[in-house]
Amino acid sequence: MAGFDAVLFDLDGTLCERTQDTERMYAAAFEQVGVEPFGDPESLWTSLEGPPDHDDWIGYIGAGFARLAAQHGRTEVDPLALASAVQSLVDDTAVALRPGAKIALDHAASVGPVGLVTNGPAASQRTKLDSLGITDRFSTLVFGAELPRKKPHVQPFDQALTRIGVPPNRALYVGNSLEYDVSGAQLAGLSVAWLSDDGDAPGPYSPEYILKELSELPSVLEGDP
């Protein structure tokens, strides 16, 4: 056995993914604001810098719209109004478990306590968990947006480990972000299984384990090479 007594998971992009029609949501945001559309969801996501800022989500999305508006010569548009419209249209119930998530959760539960450490706010993340039907799978839920410090700070990880009574060197964290999941968990003293289903290399980071899909997690927990 690999020697873990607990497993902690990230949520967005790790255990679940959104299923909402982003093209329709994007068009509806422009309709709500009353301006002619420009760009598309993919170009907006490309214009965003870094992961979402849950302390200022509208400002984060608004900055992306501002960059996109400049590219299309639409500087008369209010990017914050567009961002606010997008926020009002987001459906947190439109989520689905990623392939292998049930296998990973089942096997993690056979090891010991299972926890969730996510940067998202409690309201939206609980809605996702309830819609996915996995809320009761976790011994503890830690929402970084509700803490003074969120990932990659060690505070969310420390809080989860304290609640379940497991030392860092006996816990494994499973996440898909190098900058937030891998670096944060390792700083807190945990080993990390990085989910890299796009085939990218970890670059300057050194996760202890690399998963192409969540169904590979049992092999890590069983200590298989």
Protein backbone atom coordinates (compact mmCIF):
# COMPACT_ATOMS: atom_id res chain seq x y z
CA MET A 1 0.00 0.00 0.00
CA ALA A 2 1.08 3.58 -0.66
CA GLY A 3 0.59 4.46 2.98
CA PHE A 4 -2.15 7.08 2.90
CA ASP A 5 -4.76 7.42 5.64
CA ALA A 6 -6.93 10.05 3.92
CA VAL A 7 -7.63 11.48 0.48
CA LEU A 8 -8.61 15.08 -0.26
CA PHE A 9 -10.08 16.19 -3.59
CA ASP A 10 -10.45 19.37 -5.57
CA LEU A 11 -13.88 19.84 -7.19
CA ASP A 12 -14.01 21.92 -10.40
CA GLY A 13 -12.08 20.34 -13.23
CA THR A 14 -11.16 17.39 -11.02
CA LEU A 15 -14.30 15.62 -9.82
CA CYS A 16 -16.74 17.51 -12.01
CA GLU A 17 -17.14 19.63 -15.11
CA ARG A 18 -19.83 22.05 -16.23
CA THR A 19 -22.47 20.93 -18.73
CA GLN A 20 -24.18 24.28 -19.28
CA ASP A 21 -24.46 25.47 -22.90
CA THR A 22 -21.86 28.25 -22.82
CA GLU A 23 -22.70 29.51 -26.31
CA ARG A 24 -26.30 30.11 -25.27
CA MET A 25 -25.25 31.68 -21.97
CA TYR A 26 -22.78 33.97 -23.76
CA ALA A 27 -25.41 35.16 -26.24
CA ALA A 28 -27.97 35.64 -23.47
CA ALA A 29 -25.56 37.88 -21.53
CA PHE A 30 -25.29 40.28 -24.48
CA GLU A 31 -29.05 40.20 -24.96
CA GLN A 32 -29.56 41.00 -21.27
CA VAL A 33 -27.24 44.03 -21.52
CA GLY A 34 -28.74 45.08 -24.86
CA VAL A 35 -25.63 45.18 -27.04
CA GLU A 36 -24.56 43.38 -30.21
CA PRO A 37 -22.43 40.32 -29.43
CA PHE A 38 -18.74 40.08 -30.24
CA GLY A 39 -16.29 37.25 -29.74
CA ASP A 40 -17.34 33.89 -28.34
CA PRO A 41 -16.97 31.93 -25.08
CA GLU A 42 -13.65 30.41 -26.11
CA SER A 43 -12.11 33.80 -26.85
CA LEU A 44 -13.40 35.11 -23.52
CA TRP A 45 -11.83 32.20 -21.59
CA THR A 46 -8.56 32.82 -23.45
CA SER A 47 -8.68 36.48 -22.42
CA LEU A 48 -8.90 35.60 -18.73
CA GLU A 49 -5.71 35.58 -16.67
CA GLY A 50 -5.25 32.83 -14.11
CA PRO A 51 -7.99 30.94 -12.25
CA PRO A 52 -11.22 32.67 -11.17
CA ASP A 53 -10.98 35.28 -8.43
CA HIS A 54 -13.87 34.29 -6.15
CA ASP A 55 -13.43 37.51 -4.15
CA ASP A 56 -14.16 39.57 -7.27
CA TRP A 57 -15.69 37.25 -9.85
CA ILE A 58 -17.36 40.08 -11.79
CA GLY A 59 -14.08 42.01 -11.91
CA TYR A 60 -12.27 38.88 -13.09
CA ILE A 61 -14.74 38.16 -15.92
CA GLY A 62 -15.06 41.89 -16.63
CA ALA A 63 -11.33 42.16 -17.25
CA GLY A 64 -11.65 39.40 -19.85
CA PHE A 65 -14.53 41.20 -21.55
CA ALA A 66 -12.52 44.44 -21.51
CA ARG A 67 -9.63 42.77 -23.34
CA LEU A 68 -12.01 41.14 -25.79
CA ALA A 69 -13.86 44.41 -26.42
CA ALA A 70 -10.58 46.18 -27.21
CA GLN A 71 -9.69 43.45 -29.71
CA HIS A 72 -13.02 43.96 -31.48
CA GLY A 73 -13.06 47.75 -31.35
CA ARG A 74 -16.01 47.74 -28.98
CA THR A 75 -14.65 49.96 -26.24
CA GLU A 76 -18.06 51.59 -25.75
CA VAL A 77 -19.31 48.39 -24.09
CA ASP A 78 -19.45 48.14 -20.29
CA PRO A 79 -17.44 44.96 -19.53
CA LEU A 80 -18.61 44.82 -15.91
CA ALA A 81 -22.24 44.86 -17.02
CA LEU A 82 -21.54 41.91 -19.30
CA ALA A 83 -19.74 40.09 -16.50
CA SER A 84 -22.66 40.70 -14.15
CA ALA A 85 -25.04 39.32 -16.77
CA VAL A 86 -22.92 36.18 -17.17
CA GLN A 87 -22.88 35.70 -13.40
CA SER A 88 -26.68 35.89 -13.26
CA LEU A 89 -26.94 33.21 -15.93
CA VAL A 90 -24.53 30.67 -14.48
CA ASP A 91 -26.35 27.48 -13.49
CA ASP A 92 -24.43 25.62 -10.77
CA THR A 93 -26.75 22.64 -11.11
CA ALA A 94 -25.49 22.06 -14.67
CA VAL A 95 -22.55 19.84 -13.73
CA ALA A 96 -21.54 16.23 -14.26
CA LEU A 97 -19.05 13.91 -12.65
CA ARG A 98 -15.89 13.44 -14.63
CA PRO A 99 -15.09 9.94 -15.93
CA GLY A 100 -13.73 7.75 -13.17
CA ALA A 101 -14.91 10.06 -10.36
CA LYS A 102 -17.10 7.42 -8.71
CA ILE A 103 -14.30 4.87 -8.85
CA ALA A 104 -11.88 7.35 -7.31
CA LEU A 105 -14.29 8.33 -4.53
CA ASP A 106 -15.16 4.71 -3.74
CA HIS A 107 -11.53 3.68 -3.47
CA ALA A 108 -10.60 6.78 -1.47
CA ALA A 109 -13.28 5.88 1.07
CA SER A 110 -11.67 2.47 1.53
CA VAL A 111 -8.45 4.20 2.61
CA GLY A 112 -9.89 6.51 5.26
CA PRO A 113 -11.61 9.91 5.56
CA VAL A 114 -12.36 11.70 2.30
CA GLY A 115 -12.32 15.48 2.19
CA LEU A 116 -12.99 18.27 -0.30
CA VAL A 117 -10.76 21.35 -0.53
CA THR A 118 -12.03 23.82 -3.13
CA ASN A 119 -11.51 27.55 -3.63
CA GLY A 120 -15.10 28.14 -4.68
CA PRO A 121 -17.69 29.80 -2.42
CA ALA A 122 -19.79 27.53 -0.23
CA ALA A 123 -23.15 28.35 -1.83
CA SER A 124 -22.20 27.48 -5.40
CA GLN A 125 -20.01 24.52 -4.47
CA ARG A 126 -22.67 22.96 -2.25
CA THR A 127 -25.17 23.34 -5.09
CA LYS A 128 -22.80 21.43 -7.38
CA LEU A 129 -22.19 18.71 -4.80
CA ASP A 130 -25.91 18.24 -4.19
CA SER A 131 -26.63 18.12 -7.93
CA LEU A 132 -23.87 15.55 -8.39
CA GLY A 133 -25.23 13.52 -5.48
CA ILE A 134 -21.87 13.29 -3.71
CA THR A 135 -22.23 15.64 -0.74
CA ASP A 136 -22.35 12.76 1.73
CA ARG A 137 -19.15 11.26 0.31
CA PHE A 138 -17.00 13.71 2.28
CA SER A 139 -16.04 13.78 5.93
CA THR A 140 -15.20 17.47 5.62
CA LEU A 141 -15.83 20.28 3.15
CA VAL A 142 -13.44 23.25 3.03
CA PHE A 143 -14.33 26.25 0.86
CA GLY A 144 -11.31 28.48 0.34
CA ALA A 145 -13.43 31.50 -0.63
CA GLU A 146 -14.83 31.51 2.92
CA LEU A 147 -11.35 31.63 4.53
CA PRO A 148 -8.86 34.49 4.94
CA ARG A 149 -6.52 32.56 2.60
CA LYS A 150 -7.37 30.13 -0.20
CA LYS A 151 -5.32 27.75 -2.36
CA PRO A 152 -2.39 27.79 -2.99
CA HIS A 153 -2.08 29.02 0.62
CA VAL A 154 -1.80 26.17 3.08
CA GLN A 155 -4.75 27.28 5.24
CA PRO A 156 -7.52 25.32 3.42
CA PHE A 157 -5.42 22.13 3.50
CA ASP A 158 -4.49 22.61 7.14
CA GLN A 159 -8.13 23.10 8.08
CA ALA A 160 -9.23 19.93 6.29
CA LEU A 161 -6.49 17.83 7.89
CA THR A 162 -7.21 19.22 11.34
CA ARG A 163 -10.88 18.33 11.00
CA ILE A 164 -10.21 14.72 9.99
CA GLY A 165 -7.26 14.28 12.37
CA VAL A 166 -4.74 13.08 9.77
CA PRO A 167 -1.16 14.43 9.51
CA PRO A 168 -0.08 15.91 6.15
CA ASN A 169 2.41 13.15 5.37
CA ARG A 170 -0.39 10.57 5.57
CA ALA A 171 -2.75 12.34 3.17
CA LEU A 172 -3.01 12.54 -0.63
CA TYR A 173 -4.51 15.47 -2.51
CA VAL A 174 -6.06 15.01 -5.95
CA GLY A 175 -6.37 18.10 -8.16
CA ASN A 176 -5.97 19.40 -11.71
CA SER A 177 -4.23 22.75 -11.17
CA LEU A 178 -0.44 22.87 -10.97
CA GLU A 179 -0.38 26.43 -9.64
CA TYR A 180 -3.08 25.98 -7.01
CA ASP A 181 -3.53 22.28 -6.25
CA VAL A 182 -0.03 20.87 -6.63
CA SER A 183 1.87 23.81 -5.17
CA GLY A 184 -0.61 24.44 -2.36
CA ALA A 185 -0.91 20.84 -1.22
CA GLN A 186 2.84 20.25 -1.34
CA LEU A 187 3.48 23.40 0.67
CA ALA A 188 1.07 21.99 3.26
CA GLY A 189 3.06 18.74 3.36
CA LEU A 190 0.73 16.48 1.34
CA SER A 191 1.57 14.24 -1.57
CA VAL A 192 -0.30 15.11 -4.76
CA ALA A 193 -1.90 13.16 -7.58
CA TRP A 194 -2.16 15.63 -10.44
CA LEU A 195 -4.96 15.02 -12.96
CA SER A 196 -3.51 15.85 -16.39
CA ASP A 197 -5.96 14.47 -18.92
CA ASP A 198 -4.75 16.81 -21.69
CA GLY A 199 -1.33 15.19 -21.84
CA ASP A 200 0.58 18.26 -20.69
CA ALA A 201 3.80 17.88 -18.72
CA PRO A 202 3.99 19.36 -15.21
CA GLY A 203 6.73 21.79 -16.24
CA PRO A 204 8.58 23.16 -13.22
CA TYR A 205 6.25 21.37 -10.79
CA SER A 206 6.86 17.90 -9.39
CA PRO A 207 3.62 16.14 -8.42
CA GLU A 208 4.28 12.77 -6.81
CA TYR A 209 1.76 11.10 -9.12
CA ILE A 210 0.34 12.00 -12.52
CA LEU A 211 -3.11 10.71 -13.52
CA LYS A 212 -4.47 10.70 -17.05
CA GLU A 213 -7.91 9.93 -15.62
CA LEU A 214 -9.44 9.51 -12.19
CA SER A 215 -9.89 5.77 -12.65
CA GLU A 216 -6.11 5.47 -12.18
CA LEU A 217 -6.31 6.65 -8.57
CA PRO A 218 -6.84 3.14 -7.08
CA SER A 219 -3.42 2.10 -8.42
CA VAL A 220 -1.82 5.04 -6.60
CA LEU A 221 -3.61 4.22 -3.36
CA GLU A 222 -2.68 0.56 -3.65
CA GLY A 223 0.97 1.41 -4.19
CA ASP A 224 1.18 -0.07 -7.68
CA PRO A 225 4.10 1.19 -9.84
